Every structure is written in C-alpha cells, then in structure tokens.
Amino acid sequence: MSSRKGTSRSIVDRSARYLLLLSALVSIFVVFLIGLFTLREGLPALREIGLGSLLTGRVWRPQRGEFGLLAMIAGSVLVTMGAMLLGVPLALGCAIFLAEVAPDRVRAVVRPAVELLAGIPSVIYGLFGMVVLVPLVRRVPVPGNTGFGLLSASIVLAVMILPTITNIAEDAIRAVPREYKEGSLALGTTHWQTIVGVTLPAARSGIVAAIILGVGRALGETMAMIMVIGNSIIFPKPLDNNPLTLFLSQARTLTGNIAVEISYATGLHESALFATGVVLFVLIMIVNTTAHLLIRERAR
C-alpha cells in the first residue's frame, strides 16, 4: 500500500516538474517568436535603408523616403533620463521608509498604495497628465512652451516607474543580513547612519538592478507618452538660451512612433516601423539582462 502511494507521489512530482518546465519553455519560445517576427518584418528596411542610416538619420519623413530614428531615440533617452531623475530619489526614499522606518500599521497602508500604482492603466496616467500637468507646465513663461513636452512626460513616467523600483529596492534592503545592522548599531552609530553607511551599500547591487528595471519600464511605455509628450518629430532642443528649457521641448519616443503610424503604414514605411521595434527590443533586452546579472551577483 505504501509503495503504491510512493509511486503515485513520484508520478505527481514528475508531472508537476515537467509541466513547470513546459511553461518556462513556452514563455521563452513566445519571446523568441516575437523577436523573430519583428526582425523578419523589419529586414526589408534594414537592408534598403541600412542600420547606420536608420540609427543616425535626423529626419523621419516616410513620404519622401527618409527614415531617421535619431530624433525618436533622443526623445526616448531624454524622457527616460528625466523620469529617472525625478522618480529614483522618490522610489528609494519610499523603499527605505517601508523597509527600515515605517511602523507596521503605516507600512500596511503605504505598501498597498504604492503597489496600486502599478495596476492603474497607462491611459489614466496620460489623462491625468493632459488635464493636470500640461496646464501647470504651460504656465512656465518660456516662448514656445505649450505644456506638452519632455517635462510633462517625465513627471508622468516617474510616477509610473515608482512601484517597480520601490518594490525591488525594498526587497534588496530587507535582504541585508541583520548582523550587519546590529554590528553597526553596537559600534555607536545612529539608525540613519546605519542605513546610509551599512544597509544601502550592502544592498547596492539590488538597488541598481531595480533602477535598471525601471529604465526598461520607462523605455517601453507608449500610451501615456503619446498623450503628453507632444508627438512632434523634431530633435529636442532648448526653447531659449537656458539649456534646462530642453525639457519643455516637444518630442516623440520610439514606442510612440510605432503606435501613431503603424495603422496606416505600408511597404517600406511599415517595415521601417518594425525595424524601430527591433531597435527597441534589443535596447530593452540589454537593460533587462543587465538587471538580472546584477541581481544574480547580489545573490552570490
């Protein structure tokens, strides 16, 4: 009787293991198919236009056969940089508060509120940006400032990446061995000095991985960016002699370029949009791979 039970348990265990392996392989296969499909559709543009011309061209005018992505690459990089400058300090502060400072009752309220931000549809963020942020930014007295631009998009994106960075950074801080903190406190340091001098350096690789994953999240955002960035196919530049007015300039991102034009694109134009997807796919894969390597290094 016991041997039968042992045999049935062994069969169940093996079946569960193979089922989980199959699920993992299917996930990898789906990603491979997406990459292969995007590359296949973008190959005609890569062959006819050339990867170099596609990446360094400053003009995007499909009607004239000009397919330069440099303006959109600059828009994506600048809005991501702006979002990280605004969002990373806030996210790290929130992670430190939740992991080291907040009482249990406060943590039970704040953490679900932060996680709720990840479940809000991006179009809602875009609507908030259009109705609230754009009119506020428009009040900045700079000639040519419409309110739509990199600053509004960066603020919206900073809020959107907040839960990603906060959750991963909090886990990294909590993973620091308790002995490190107790040893620091035993030497006479304050709680804050322990956080700054011991906890954060020990959790550095995990925090960096959280930031990198936030960059990947920012690069892939589409709908909210379309609604607040202005979608002008121009190379971002300052509106006056102050270089900071660069962030008041309108722009377009790589993801926004695909979403706006794919519905009516045909021929080489359509293939160039798929080539844009290839560039974006490679960028996000590099970002995610870097984050996973850092997380693995922290685990060691």
Protein backbone atom coordinates (compact mmCIF):
# COMPACT_ATOMS: atom_id res chain seq x y z
CA MET A 1 0.00 0.00 0.00
CA SER A 2 2.76 2.38 0.97
CA SER A 3 4.68 1.55 -2.21
CA ARG A 4 1.63 2.48 -4.31
CA LYS A 5 1.36 5.82 -2.51
CA GLY A 6 5.04 6.43 -3.03
CA THR A 7 4.73 5.60 -6.73
CA SER A 8 1.73 7.91 -7.18
CA ARG A 9 3.51 10.73 -5.39
CA SER A 10 6.55 10.23 -7.58
CA ILE A 11 4.37 10.39 -10.71
CA VAL A 12 2.67 13.57 -9.47
CA ASP A 13 6.03 15.17 -8.65
CA ARG A 14 7.48 14.34 -12.06
CA SER A 15 4.35 15.52 -13.83
CA ALA A 16 4.39 18.82 -11.96
CA ARG A 17 8.08 19.27 -12.73
CA TYR A 18 7.60 18.63 -16.44
CA LEU A 19 4.55 20.91 -16.51
CA LEU A 20 6.51 23.76 -14.95
CA LEU A 21 9.39 23.13 -17.35
CA LEU A 22 6.96 23.23 -20.27
CA SER A 23 5.52 26.52 -19.03
CA ALA A 24 9.01 28.05 -18.84
CA LEU A 25 9.91 26.78 -22.31
CA VAL A 26 6.66 28.15 -23.75
CA SER A 27 7.44 31.58 -22.28
CA ILE A 28 10.92 31.55 -23.81
CA PHE A 29 9.51 30.33 -27.12
CA VAL A 30 6.94 33.14 -27.20
CA VAL A 31 9.64 35.77 -26.65
CA PHE A 32 11.73 34.13 -29.38
CA LEU A 33 8.80 34.16 -31.80
CA ILE A 34 8.07 37.83 -31.11
CA GLY A 35 11.70 38.74 -31.74
CA LEU A 36 11.88 36.59 -34.86
CA PHE A 37 8.64 38.01 -36.28
CA THR A 38 9.71 41.61 -35.62
CA LEU A 39 13.12 41.01 -37.16
CA ARG A 40 11.62 39.31 -40.23
CA GLU A 41 9.23 42.18 -40.85
CA GLY A 42 11.96 44.77 -40.33
CA LEU A 43 14.59 43.12 -42.54
CA PRO A 44 13.49 44.86 -45.79
CA ALA A 45 14.01 48.27 -44.17
CA LEU A 46 17.30 47.22 -42.60
CA ARG A 47 18.54 46.04 -46.00
CA GLU A 48 17.30 49.00 -48.06
CA ILE A 49 17.85 51.83 -45.59
CA GLY A 50 20.75 50.39 -43.61
CA LEU A 51 21.08 50.12 -39.87
CA GLY A 52 23.54 53.00 -39.71
CA SER A 53 21.30 55.39 -41.64
CA LEU A 54 18.31 54.30 -39.59
CA LEU A 55 20.03 54.97 -36.27
CA THR A 56 21.83 58.20 -37.19
CA GLY A 57 19.34 59.86 -39.55
CA ARG A 58 17.79 63.01 -38.05
CA VAL A 59 14.76 63.24 -40.37
CA TRP A 60 11.71 60.96 -40.38
CA ARG A 61 9.63 61.64 -43.50
CA PRO A 62 8.31 58.36 -44.89
CA GLN A 63 6.57 60.13 -47.79
CA ARG A 64 9.99 61.29 -49.04
CA GLY A 65 11.76 58.05 -48.23
CA GLU A 66 13.64 59.49 -45.23
CA PHE A 67 13.75 57.15 -42.25
CA GLY A 68 15.93 58.53 -39.47
CA LEU A 69 15.30 57.45 -35.89
CA LEU A 70 17.80 59.69 -34.13
CA ALA A 71 15.16 62.24 -33.04
CA MET A 72 12.98 59.48 -31.57
CA ILE A 73 15.97 57.84 -29.89
CA ALA A 74 16.87 61.19 -28.34
CA GLY A 75 13.27 61.66 -27.20
CA SER A 76 13.17 58.21 -25.60
CA VAL A 77 16.53 58.68 -23.86
CA LEU A 78 15.75 62.19 -22.58
CA VAL A 79 12.29 61.35 -21.24
CA THR A 80 13.72 58.25 -19.56
CA MET A 81 16.54 60.29 -18.01
CA GLY A 82 14.05 62.88 -16.78
CA ALA A 83 11.82 60.19 -15.30
CA MET A 84 14.76 58.55 -13.51
CA LEU A 85 15.99 61.87 -12.11
CA LEU A 86 12.54 62.56 -10.68
CA GLY A 87 11.45 59.03 -9.79
CA VAL A 88 14.55 57.30 -8.42
CA PRO A 89 15.04 59.52 -5.32
CA LEU A 90 11.33 59.25 -4.51
CA ALA A 91 11.28 55.48 -5.03
CA LEU A 92 14.43 54.89 -2.96
CA GLY A 93 13.11 57.10 -0.18
CA CYS A 94 9.86 55.13 -0.21
CA ALA A 95 11.75 51.81 -0.17
CA ILE A 96 13.91 52.89 2.78
CA PHE A 97 10.84 54.13 4.64
CA LEU A 98 8.97 50.86 4.12
CA ALA A 99 11.92 48.60 4.93
CA GLU A 100 13.57 50.44 7.82
CA VAL A 101 11.46 53.23 9.26
CA ALA A 102 7.71 52.74 8.90
CA PRO A 103 5.72 51.12 11.74
CA ASP A 104 3.73 48.04 10.81
CA ARG A 105 0.42 49.92 10.71
CA VAL A 106 1.78 52.60 8.41
CA ARG A 107 3.53 50.02 6.23
CA ALA A 108 0.28 48.11 5.85
CA VAL A 109 -1.29 51.22 4.30
CA VAL A 110 1.60 52.64 2.28
CA ARG A 111 2.78 49.45 0.58
CA PRO A 112 -0.62 48.54 -0.99
CA ALA A 113 -0.98 52.17 -2.10
CA VAL A 114 2.38 52.03 -3.89
CA GLU A 115 1.58 48.65 -5.44
CA LEU A 116 -1.76 50.03 -6.61
CA LEU A 117 0.09 52.46 -8.86
CA ALA A 118 1.28 49.50 -10.96
CA GLY A 119 -2.33 48.45 -11.64
CA ILE A 120 -3.55 51.81 -12.96
CA PRO A 121 -3.88 51.74 -16.79
CA SER A 122 -1.37 53.93 -18.58
CA VAL A 123 -4.15 55.81 -20.37
CA ILE A 124 -5.32 57.08 -16.96
CA TYR A 125 -1.86 58.46 -16.31
CA GLY A 126 -2.00 60.08 -19.73
CA LEU A 127 -5.36 61.68 -18.98
CA PHE A 128 -4.05 62.98 -15.66
CA GLY A 129 -1.05 64.44 -17.46
CA MET A 130 -3.17 66.15 -20.10
CA VAL A 131 -5.71 67.61 -17.68
CA VAL A 132 -3.48 68.50 -14.71
CA LEU A 133 0.23 68.54 -15.57
CA VAL A 134 0.19 70.07 -19.05
CA PRO A 135 -1.71 73.23 -17.94
CA LEU A 136 0.69 73.61 -14.99
CA VAL A 137 3.80 73.25 -17.16
CA ARG A 138 2.28 75.67 -19.68
CA ARG A 139 2.47 78.40 -17.04
CA VAL A 140 6.27 78.40 -17.22
CA PRO A 141 6.98 81.72 -19.01
CA VAL A 142 9.11 80.46 -21.90
CA PRO A 143 8.35 81.34 -25.55
CA GLY A 144 7.06 78.31 -27.45
CA ASN A 145 6.12 76.38 -24.30
CA THR A 146 2.86 74.52 -24.96
CA GLY A 147 2.94 72.37 -21.83
CA PHE A 148 3.26 69.24 -23.96
CA GLY A 149 6.80 68.00 -23.90
CA LEU A 150 9.57 66.14 -22.14
CA LEU A 151 8.92 67.62 -18.69
CA SER A 152 5.26 66.59 -18.55
CA ALA A 153 6.12 63.16 -19.92
CA SER A 154 8.97 62.73 -17.42
CA ILE A 155 6.73 63.54 -14.46
CA VAL A 156 4.06 61.07 -15.59
CA LEU A 157 6.67 58.40 -16.26
CA ALA A 158 8.35 58.97 -12.89
CA VAL A 159 5.08 58.08 -11.15
CA MET A 160 4.61 55.03 -13.37
CA ILE A 161 8.03 53.53 -12.57
CA LEU A 162 7.69 54.24 -8.84
CA PRO A 163 6.20 50.82 -7.84
CA THR A 164 8.74 48.85 -9.89
CA ILE A 165 11.78 50.47 -8.30
CA THR A 166 10.27 50.71 -4.83
CA ASN A 167 9.30 47.03 -4.55
CA ILE A 168 12.60 45.64 -5.82
CA ALA A 169 14.71 48.11 -3.82
CA GLU A 170 12.74 47.30 -0.65
CA ASP A 171 13.38 43.58 -1.15
CA ALA A 172 17.08 44.29 -1.63
CA ILE A 173 17.22 46.33 1.58
CA ARG A 174 15.35 43.67 3.55
CA ALA A 175 17.78 41.02 2.26
CA VAL A 176 20.71 42.66 4.03
CA PRO A 177 21.74 40.36 6.94
CA ARG A 178 20.53 41.58 10.30
CA GLU A 179 24.02 41.08 11.74
CA TYR A 180 25.30 43.97 9.61
CA LYS A 181 22.81 46.38 11.17
CA GLU A 182 23.28 45.08 14.70
CA GLY A 183 27.06 45.33 14.39
CA SER A 184 26.83 48.91 13.17
CA LEU A 185 24.46 49.92 15.95
CA ALA A 186 26.71 48.21 18.52
CA LEU A 187 29.57 50.46 17.41
CA GLY A 188 27.55 53.50 18.43
CA THR A 189 26.13 54.72 15.10
CA THR A 190 22.61 56.07 14.82
CA HIS A 191 19.85 54.33 12.91
CA TRP A 192 20.16 56.74 9.99
CA GLN A 193 23.96 56.39 9.88
CA THR A 194 23.49 52.61 9.77
CA ILE A 195 21.06 52.91 6.86
CA VAL A 196 23.36 55.21 4.87
CA GLY A 197 26.70 53.64 5.76
CA VAL A 198 25.86 49.93 6.00
CA THR A 199 22.43 48.93 4.69
CA LEU A 200 22.39 50.83 1.40
CA PRO A 201 25.97 49.89 0.38
CA ALA A 202 25.21 46.23 1.18
CA ALA A 203 22.04 46.38 -0.95
CA ARG A 204 23.70 48.36 -3.75
CA SER A 205 23.56 45.72 -6.47
CA GLY A 206 19.87 45.05 -5.83
CA ILE A 207 19.08 48.77 -5.85
CA VAL A 208 20.98 49.23 -9.10
CA ALA A 209 19.06 46.30 -10.60
CA ALA A 210 15.80 47.96 -9.51
CA ILE A 211 16.82 51.19 -11.22
CA ILE A 212 17.77 49.36 -14.41
CA LEU A 213 14.43 47.54 -14.48
CA GLY A 214 12.79 50.95 -14.02
CA VAL A 215 14.68 52.16 -17.09
CA GLY A 216 13.33 49.20 -19.06
CA ARG A 217 9.81 50.00 -17.86
CA ALA A 218 10.24 53.63 -18.91
CA LEU A 219 11.60 52.77 -22.36
CA GLY A 220 8.61 50.54 -23.11
CA GLU A 221 5.83 52.96 -22.11
CA THR A 222 3.64 54.10 -25.01
CA MET A 223 0.13 55.38 -24.41
CA ALA A 224 0.83 57.91 -21.66
CA MET A 225 3.80 59.27 -23.63
CA ILE A 226 1.69 59.77 -26.75
CA MET A 227 -0.79 61.84 -24.76
CA VAL A 228 1.60 64.27 -23.05
CA ILE A 229 4.89 64.48 -24.97
CA GLY A 230 3.54 66.35 -28.00
CA ASN A 231 4.49 63.76 -30.65
CA SER A 232 6.42 66.23 -32.79
CA ILE A 233 9.06 64.53 -34.92
CA ILE A 234 11.78 67.03 -34.04
CA PHE A 235 15.15 66.72 -32.37
CA PRO A 236 14.62 68.08 -28.82
CA LYS A 237 16.40 71.38 -28.21
CA PRO A 238 16.18 74.26 -25.69
CA LEU A 239 13.45 76.83 -26.34
CA ASP A 240 15.71 79.73 -25.33
CA ASN A 241 19.24 80.37 -24.05
CA ASN A 242 18.59 78.37 -20.87
CA PRO A 243 19.62 74.73 -21.52
CA LEU A 244 17.07 73.49 -18.98
CA THR A 245 14.27 74.56 -21.34
CA LEU A 246 15.25 71.48 -23.35
CA PHE A 247 12.71 69.60 -21.23
CA LEU A 248 9.95 71.97 -22.36
CA SER A 249 10.54 70.88 -25.95
CA GLN A 250 8.10 68.53 -27.63
CA ALA A 251 9.40 65.17 -28.84
CA ARG A 252 8.40 61.67 -29.88
CA THR A 253 9.55 58.34 -28.49
CA LEU A 254 10.33 55.12 -30.34
CA THR A 255 7.25 53.40 -28.93
CA GLY A 256 5.07 56.40 -29.72
CA ASN A 257 6.33 56.47 -33.30
CA ILE A 258 5.25 52.86 -33.83
CA ALA A 259 1.85 53.31 -32.18
CA VAL A 260 0.98 56.50 -34.07
CA GLU A 261 1.92 55.38 -37.59
CA ILE A 262 1.51 51.61 -37.76
CA SER A 263 -2.24 51.82 -38.53
CA TYR A 264 -1.70 53.43 -41.94
CA ALA A 265 1.87 52.45 -42.83
CA THR A 266 2.54 50.26 -45.87
CA GLY A 267 5.54 48.94 -47.73
CA LEU A 268 8.93 50.28 -46.70
CA HIS A 269 7.29 52.59 -44.18
CA GLU A 270 5.74 49.64 -42.37
CA SER A 271 9.00 47.71 -42.47
CA ALA A 272 10.84 50.71 -41.02
CA LEU A 273 8.42 50.74 -38.09
CA PHE A 274 9.13 47.07 -37.47
CA ALA A 275 12.85 47.90 -37.63
CA THR A 276 12.14 50.51 -34.96
CA GLY A 277 10.63 47.70 -32.93
CA VAL A 278 13.81 45.67 -33.40
CA VAL A 279 15.92 48.54 -32.06
CA LEU A 280 13.61 48.94 -29.08
CA PHE A 281 13.51 45.17 -28.49
CA VAL A 282 17.30 45.00 -28.39
CA LEU A 283 17.55 48.00 -26.03
CA ILE A 284 15.07 46.52 -23.56
CA MET A 285 16.73 43.08 -23.73
CA ILE A 286 20.08 44.68 -22.90
CA VAL A 287 18.55 46.58 -19.98
CA ASN A 288 16.76 43.53 -18.56
CA THR A 289 19.78 41.26 -18.99
CA THR A 290 21.96 43.76 -17.15
CA ALA A 291 19.44 43.90 -14.30
CA HIS A 292 19.29 40.11 -14.00
CA LEU A 293 23.09 39.86 -13.93
CA LEU A 294 23.21 42.38 -11.12
CA ILE A 295 20.53 40.52 -9.19
CA ARG A 296 22.47 37.27 -9.63
CA GLU A 297 25.61 38.99 -8.38
CA ARG A 298 23.70 40.17 -5.29
CA ALA A 299 22.51 36.62 -4.68
CA ARG A 300 26.10 35.40 -4.66
